[in-house]
Amino acid sequence: MAQSFDLVAALPAYTASEHTRRAYLRWIDRYLVDQAEFPPLAGEARRSRLMKLAVPMLRRVVLPETIRAWLDGLMQQGSSRQSLDQARAALVALAELLARAGYMKAARYEEIRAIPVPAVAHVAGGGRLLQGEEMKRLINAARDMAALPPAMARNQVVVLLLCTLVLRREEVSALQWGDVTLVKNRPTLRVDGALLEIPRPLLAALDRWRALVTAGDGPPPAGSPLVRRIWKGGRIARRGLSPDGIWLIIHDAARYAGLEQVSPEDLRRSVVLSLRDAGTPIEALHSLLRHRTLIVTRRFLAKLPPAPAAEPPDEPL
C-alpha cells in the first residue's frame, strides 16, 4: 500500500495561525488540482482529501520547475502580489513538511525555498484612489447591479468588508462563519488572529446575508465559507468565493457606477488615505491594516499621495 501524508495534521507544527493554515490548505489544494488533475473540492471534502495525500504523487508534482511555472501562470492570470506571496509560502511549507517527514531530499527543498515570487507587472490604469462620493457610488453599485436578492446581499457584504475593515480580497475569501463572534458582547470578526469590531452597516449586511444562506434553518456551520458563490438562478452554493471572484465583483461594480477600473487593493488604499487625511493616528492605521510592524505601515503610507497642506490661519483685520 502506498504511503500517505496527512497535511492537515502536519501544518500546526509549521504555523500556529489557524487563518494561515486555512489559506495554505486552499493554495496547496489548488496546486494539486492544477498539477495532479484533482477534481475541485471544497469544505470538508477538500480537507479530507488533504489528510491522505499519496506520497508518490507528491514526489511527482512538488518539483521546483513545476512550482515556478505554476506561480508564473498565476501572475499571468492577474493574481496580486499578496496572492503570489501566499501561494509560494504554501508550497514552501509543503516542501519543508515533506522534507521533515523524510519524503523529500533536503536539496530539493532548498531549491523550492529559493524560488522567487514572480514580479507583478504594473497594470495600466491601475492604482486608482477613490474619493468619498465615488466610494459611496461603488458600494451602492455592488448591490444595485445584482438581479436577485442573494447576489445583492452577498455583494453588499463583500464591498463593506473591503471598505470598512480594509480587508484584502484573499482574507475575505478565507473567512468562515465561525470567524464572526462576540467579544465582550460586541460583534467581532476574527481575521488572521486579529479581532476587529464589526461596524453597524456591515453587521446589518451580514444579518441579511445569513438569513438567505440558512433559509431559517439555524446558524450556518462555523467551518463553512462566509462569502459564497451564487448560481445563475439565485441558489447559494456551498463553495466559497475565490479571491478572483471578489476582484470581479469590484471590477463590475466600478463599471456599473461609471468609474474607471477599480480593484480591491485600490479600495484598501483609498480608505486608508481618507482616514489618514482625516487625522487618524498612524498607530490606529497600523492596527487596522494589521501589518507586522509599524515600519511596514509607514512604508504603505509613504506610497500614498502626500496629505494636503493645512490652510494658514486668517490674518487679523
Protein backbone atom coordinates (compact mmCIF):
# COMPACT_ATOMS: atom_id res chain seq x y z
CA MET A 1 0.00 0.00 0.00
CA ALA A 2 1.37 3.43 -0.99
CA GLN A 3 2.43 5.77 1.79
CA SER A 4 0.13 8.71 2.54
CA PHE A 5 0.82 12.11 4.05
CA ASP A 6 -1.60 13.94 6.38
CA LEU A 7 -1.05 17.60 5.54
CA VAL A 8 -3.83 18.78 7.88
CA ALA A 9 -2.17 17.12 10.88
CA ALA A 10 1.31 18.31 9.90
CA LEU A 11 0.58 22.02 9.35
CA PRO A 12 0.09 23.07 13.02
CA ALA A 13 3.76 22.24 13.62
CA TYR A 14 4.65 24.74 10.88
CA THR A 15 2.35 27.65 11.77
CA ALA A 16 0.16 28.32 14.80
CA SER A 17 -2.16 30.67 12.89
CA GLU A 18 -5.46 28.99 12.01
CA HIS A 19 -6.09 31.59 9.29
CA THR A 20 -2.69 30.90 7.71
CA ARG A 21 -3.29 27.14 7.82
CA ARG A 22 -6.62 27.53 6.04
CA ALA A 23 -5.02 29.72 3.39
CA TYR A 24 -2.14 27.25 2.87
CA LEU A 25 -4.52 24.31 2.56
CA ARG A 26 -6.53 26.22 -0.03
CA TRP A 27 -3.45 27.10 -2.11
CA ILE A 28 -1.91 23.63 -1.89
CA ASP A 29 -5.18 22.04 -2.96
CA ARG A 30 -5.42 24.46 -5.88
CA TYR A 31 -1.88 23.49 -6.88
CA LEU A 32 -2.79 19.80 -6.80
CA VAL A 33 -5.96 20.45 -8.81
CA ASP A 34 -3.82 22.14 -11.46
CA GLN A 35 -0.82 19.79 -11.41
CA ALA A 36 -2.17 16.42 -10.27
CA GLU A 37 -5.56 16.73 -12.02
CA PHE A 38 -7.51 16.51 -8.77
CA PRO A 39 -11.21 17.36 -9.14
CA PRO A 40 -12.09 20.68 -7.47
CA LEU A 41 -13.48 20.21 -3.96
CA ALA A 42 -14.34 22.48 -1.04
CA GLY A 43 -15.03 22.34 2.68
CA GLU A 44 -14.76 19.03 4.49
CA ALA A 45 -14.33 17.08 1.25
CA ARG A 46 -11.20 19.08 0.43
CA ARG A 47 -9.92 18.79 3.99
CA SER A 48 -10.42 15.00 3.97
CA ARG A 49 -8.51 14.71 0.71
CA LEU A 50 -5.57 16.67 2.14
CA MET A 51 -5.42 14.27 5.10
CA LYS A 52 -4.43 11.33 2.89
CA LEU A 53 -2.19 12.57 0.09
CA ALA A 54 -0.27 9.86 -1.75
CA VAL A 55 3.46 10.35 -1.24
CA PRO A 56 4.41 9.08 -4.76
CA MET A 57 2.06 11.69 -6.27
CA LEU A 58 3.60 14.45 -4.14
CA ARG A 59 7.09 13.43 -5.20
CA ARG A 60 5.96 13.60 -8.82
CA VAL A 61 4.39 17.07 -8.74
CA VAL A 62 6.13 19.02 -5.95
CA LEU A 63 9.10 19.98 -8.11
CA PRO A 64 10.97 23.31 -8.35
CA GLU A 65 10.37 23.74 -12.08
CA THR A 66 6.67 22.86 -11.77
CA ILE A 67 6.12 25.28 -8.89
CA ARG A 68 7.97 28.06 -10.72
CA ALA A 69 5.82 27.58 -13.84
CA TRP A 70 2.63 27.47 -11.74
CA LEU A 71 3.47 30.74 -9.99
CA ASP A 72 4.23 32.34 -13.35
CA GLY A 73 0.81 31.17 -14.55
CA LEU A 74 -0.89 32.77 -11.54
CA MET A 75 0.92 36.02 -12.31
CA GLN A 76 -0.23 35.90 -15.95
CA GLN A 77 -3.82 35.39 -14.73
CA GLY A 78 -3.62 38.68 -12.83
CA SER A 79 -3.04 37.43 -9.28
CA SER A 80 -1.93 40.13 -6.86
CA ARG A 81 1.48 40.23 -5.18
CA GLN A 82 -0.28 39.28 -1.92
CA SER A 83 -1.75 36.16 -3.57
CA LEU A 84 1.56 35.17 -5.15
CA ASP A 85 3.40 35.60 -1.84
CA GLN A 86 0.87 33.39 -0.08
CA ALA A 87 0.83 30.75 -2.83
CA ARG A 88 4.62 30.49 -2.80
CA ALA A 89 4.69 30.34 1.01
CA ALA A 90 2.15 27.50 0.97
CA LEU A 91 4.25 25.41 -1.42
CA VAL A 92 7.43 26.11 0.58
CA ALA A 93 5.59 24.96 3.71
CA LEU A 94 4.52 21.75 1.97
CA ALA A 95 8.07 21.08 0.80
CA GLU A 96 9.52 21.67 4.26
CA LEU A 97 6.98 19.37 5.90
CA LEU A 98 7.72 16.66 3.34
CA ALA A 99 11.45 17.06 3.98
CA ARG A 100 10.92 16.82 7.75
CA ALA A 101 8.95 13.60 7.25
CA GLY A 102 11.73 12.14 5.11
CA TYR A 103 9.65 12.19 1.90
CA MET A 104 11.76 14.84 0.12
CA LYS A 105 15.52 15.32 -0.14
CA ALA A 106 16.90 18.40 1.58
CA ALA A 107 18.49 19.61 -1.66
CA ARG A 108 15.12 19.67 -3.45
CA TYR A 109 13.51 21.52 -0.56
CA GLU A 110 16.27 24.15 -0.69
CA GLU A 111 15.63 24.61 -4.43
CA ILE A 112 11.94 25.15 -3.75
CA ARG A 113 12.67 27.56 -0.90
CA ALA A 114 14.86 29.62 -3.24
CA ILE A 115 12.09 30.14 -5.83
CA PRO A 116 11.30 33.88 -6.01
CA VAL A 117 7.85 35.39 -6.33
CA PRO A 118 7.22 36.48 -9.94
CA ALA A 119 7.33 40.24 -10.47
CA VAL A 120 3.83 41.64 -10.89
CA ALA A 121 3.70 43.91 -13.88
CA HIS A 122 2.12 47.34 -13.47
CA VAL A 123 -1.37 47.38 -14.93
CA ALA A 124 -2.20 50.43 -16.98
CA GLY A 125 -4.99 52.42 -15.39
CA GLY A 126 -4.48 50.69 -12.03
CA GLY A 127 -3.72 52.33 -8.72
CA ARG A 128 -6.99 54.26 -8.67
CA LEU A 129 -7.77 56.23 -5.50
CA LEU A 130 -11.45 56.93 -4.84
CA GLN A 131 -12.92 59.97 -3.15
CA GLY A 132 -15.76 59.73 -0.66
CA GLU A 133 -18.61 60.16 -3.14
CA GLU A 134 -17.03 57.69 -5.56
CA MET A 135 -16.74 55.14 -2.75
CA LYS A 136 -20.45 55.53 -1.96
CA ARG A 137 -21.33 55.08 -5.63
CA LEU A 138 -19.32 51.86 -5.82
CA ILE A 139 -20.86 50.47 -2.60
CA ASN A 140 -24.36 51.14 -3.93
CA ALA A 141 -23.47 49.77 -7.37
CA ALA A 142 -22.28 46.45 -5.91
CA ARG A 143 -25.82 45.95 -4.60
CA ASP A 144 -27.81 47.52 -7.43
CA MET A 145 -26.06 45.68 -10.26
CA ALA A 146 -27.30 42.30 -8.93
CA ALA A 147 -30.57 40.96 -10.35
CA LEU A 148 -31.53 38.70 -7.41
CA PRO A 149 -31.65 39.24 -3.61
CA PRO A 150 -28.92 36.66 -2.75
CA ALA A 151 -26.39 38.36 -5.03
CA MET A 152 -27.41 41.79 -3.72
CA ALA A 153 -26.85 40.69 -0.11
CA ARG A 154 -23.59 38.83 -0.86
CA ASN A 155 -22.15 41.74 -2.85
CA GLN A 156 -23.02 44.18 -0.07
CA VAL A 157 -21.14 42.05 2.45
CA VAL A 158 -18.09 41.81 0.16
CA VAL A 159 -17.82 45.51 -0.53
CA LEU A 160 -18.37 46.50 3.12
CA LEU A 161 -15.71 44.04 4.33
CA LEU A 162 -13.29 45.70 1.93
CA CYS A 163 -14.34 49.29 2.65
CA THR A 164 -14.96 49.29 6.42
CA LEU A 165 -12.38 46.77 7.68
CA VAL A 166 -9.91 47.25 4.78
CA LEU A 167 -9.51 43.50 4.34
CA ARG A 168 -7.54 42.02 1.49
CA ARG A 169 -9.56 40.01 -1.02
CA GLU A 170 -7.67 36.86 -0.01
CA GLU A 171 -8.75 37.45 3.59
CA VAL A 172 -12.38 37.96 2.56
CA SER A 173 -12.29 34.73 0.55
CA ALA A 174 -10.88 32.78 3.52
CA LEU A 175 -13.45 33.97 6.08
CA GLN A 176 -15.74 31.39 7.70
CA TRP A 177 -18.95 31.91 9.66
CA GLY A 178 -17.12 30.88 12.81
CA ASP A 179 -14.93 33.98 12.43
CA VAL A 180 -17.99 36.11 13.31
CA THR A 181 -18.18 36.10 17.10
CA LEU A 182 -18.98 38.12 20.21
CA VAL A 183 -16.21 39.63 22.33
CA LYS A 184 -17.41 41.44 25.44
CA ASN A 185 -20.90 41.44 23.90
CA ARG A 186 -19.63 43.25 20.81
CA PRO A 187 -19.89 41.67 17.32
CA THR A 188 -16.34 40.94 16.22
CA LEU A 189 -14.63 39.44 13.17
CA ARG A 190 -11.54 37.28 13.61
CA VAL A 191 -9.00 37.83 10.81
CA ASP A 192 -5.65 36.05 10.99
CA GLY A 193 -5.54 36.24 14.77
CA ALA A 194 -6.73 39.87 14.95
CA LEU A 195 -10.14 40.78 16.39
CA LEU A 196 -11.92 43.57 14.50
CA GLU A 197 -15.11 45.16 15.80
CA ILE A 198 -17.84 44.92 13.15
CA PRO A 199 -19.36 48.31 12.20
CA ARG A 200 -23.15 48.58 12.23
CA PRO A 201 -23.64 48.78 8.43
CA LEU A 202 -21.57 45.62 7.96
CA LEU A 203 -23.36 43.84 10.82
CA ALA A 204 -26.75 44.60 9.23
CA ALA A 205 -25.49 43.32 5.86
CA LEU A 206 -24.18 40.13 7.50
CA ASP A 207 -27.55 39.53 9.19
CA ARG A 208 -29.38 39.84 5.84
CA TRP A 209 -26.88 37.53 4.15
CA ARG A 210 -27.02 34.95 6.98
CA ALA A 211 -30.80 34.75 6.70
CA LEU A 212 -30.52 33.94 3.00
CA VAL A 213 -27.70 31.41 3.48
CA THR A 214 -29.57 29.42 6.14
CA ALA A 215 -33.16 29.98 4.93
CA GLY A 216 -34.26 29.88 8.56
CA ASP A 217 -32.63 26.51 9.34
CA GLY A 218 -30.42 27.72 12.19
CA PRO A 219 -26.94 29.27 12.09
CA PRO A 220 -24.56 28.27 9.27
CA PRO A 221 -21.82 25.78 10.24
CA ALA A 222 -18.85 27.55 11.82
CA GLY A 223 -16.44 26.00 9.33
CA SER A 224 -18.43 26.93 6.22
CA PRO A 225 -17.41 29.81 3.91
CA LEU A 226 -18.85 33.19 4.83
CA VAL A 227 -18.78 34.57 1.28
CA ARG A 228 -20.10 32.14 -1.30
CA ARG A 229 -20.72 31.62 -4.97
CA ILE A 230 -24.23 32.11 -6.32
CA TRP A 231 -25.66 30.15 -9.24
CA LYS A 232 -27.48 31.87 -12.09
CA GLY A 233 -30.92 31.04 -10.68
CA GLY A 234 -30.05 32.66 -7.35
CA ARG A 235 -29.24 29.47 -5.42
CA ILE A 236 -26.44 29.99 -2.91
CA ALA A 237 -23.62 27.48 -3.33
CA ARG A 238 -21.81 25.72 -0.50
CA ARG A 239 -18.44 26.60 -2.02
CA GLY A 240 -16.73 29.82 -1.08
CA LEU A 241 -16.00 32.69 -3.44
CA SER A 242 -12.40 32.81 -4.68
CA PRO A 243 -10.21 35.95 -4.47
CA ASP A 244 -10.65 36.29 -8.23
CA GLY A 245 -14.43 36.22 -7.76
CA ILE A 246 -14.16 39.06 -5.25
CA TRP A 247 -12.00 41.02 -7.69
CA LEU A 248 -14.69 40.54 -10.35
CA ILE A 249 -17.45 41.92 -8.08
CA ILE A 250 -15.47 45.14 -7.51
CA HIS A 251 -14.50 45.39 -11.17
CA ASP A 252 -18.13 45.04 -12.30
CA ALA A 253 -19.42 47.40 -9.60
CA ALA A 254 -16.94 50.07 -10.70
CA ARG A 255 -18.14 49.78 -14.29
CA TYR A 256 -21.79 49.89 -13.16
CA ALA A 257 -21.03 53.04 -11.15
CA GLY A 258 -19.42 54.69 -14.17
CA LEU A 259 -15.95 54.67 -12.62
CA GLU A 260 -12.65 53.66 -14.19
CA GLN A 261 -11.11 50.30 -13.41
CA VAL A 262 -11.04 49.72 -9.64
CA SER A 263 -9.56 46.76 -7.74
CA PRO A 264 -9.99 45.59 -4.13
CA GLU A 265 -6.44 46.79 -3.48
CA ASP A 266 -7.49 50.28 -4.65
CA LEU A 267 -10.30 50.28 -2.08
CA ARG A 268 -7.87 49.39 0.73
CA ARG A 269 -5.57 52.26 -0.24
CA SER A 270 -8.45 54.69 -0.73
CA VAL A 271 -9.94 54.03 2.70
CA VAL A 272 -6.57 54.38 4.43
CA LEU A 273 -5.86 57.61 2.52
CA SER A 274 -9.20 59.05 3.65
CA LEU A 275 -8.55 58.09 7.27
CA ARG A 276 -5.02 59.50 7.20
CA ASP A 277 -6.18 62.81 5.74
CA ALA A 278 -8.88 62.96 8.45
CA GLY A 279 -6.13 62.89 11.10
CA THR A 280 -6.26 59.21 12.16
CA PRO A 281 -3.07 58.42 14.15
CA ILE A 282 -0.60 56.08 12.50
CA GLU A 283 -0.95 53.63 15.42
CA ALA A 284 -4.67 53.26 14.65
CA LEU A 285 -3.94 52.78 10.94
CA HIS A 286 -1.32 50.16 11.82
CA SER A 287 -3.89 48.28 13.91
CA LEU A 288 -6.47 48.45 11.12
CA LEU A 289 -4.03 47.33 8.42
CA ARG A 290 -2.66 44.53 10.66
CA HIS A 291 0.88 44.92 9.38
CA ARG A 292 3.64 43.00 11.16
CA THR A 293 5.45 46.18 12.25
CA LEU A 294 4.89 49.92 12.29
CA ILE A 295 7.70 50.24 9.74
CA VAL A 296 5.60 48.34 7.19
CA THR A 297 2.68 50.71 7.84
CA ARG A 298 4.96 53.72 7.34
CA ARG A 299 6.10 52.30 4.00
CA PHE A 300 2.47 51.69 2.99
CA LEU A 301 1.57 55.30 3.82
CA ALA A 302 4.66 56.63 2.04
CA LYS A 303 3.31 55.25 -1.25
CA LEU A 304 0.11 57.30 -0.93
CA PRO A 305 -0.19 60.90 -2.18
CA PRO A 306 1.03 63.44 0.39
CA ALA A 307 -1.50 64.84 2.81
CA PRO A 308 -2.94 68.22 1.80
CA ALA A 309 -1.21 71.17 3.40
CA ALA A 310 -3.14 72.88 6.17
CA GLU A 311 -4.53 76.26 5.22
CA PRO A 312 -2.84 79.16 7.05
CA PRO A 313 -4.97 80.96 9.63
CA ASP A 314 -6.69 84.17 8.57
CA GLU A 315 -4.75 87.37 9.21
CA PRO A 316 -6.38 89.56 11.86
CA LEU A 317 -8.09 92.64 10.46
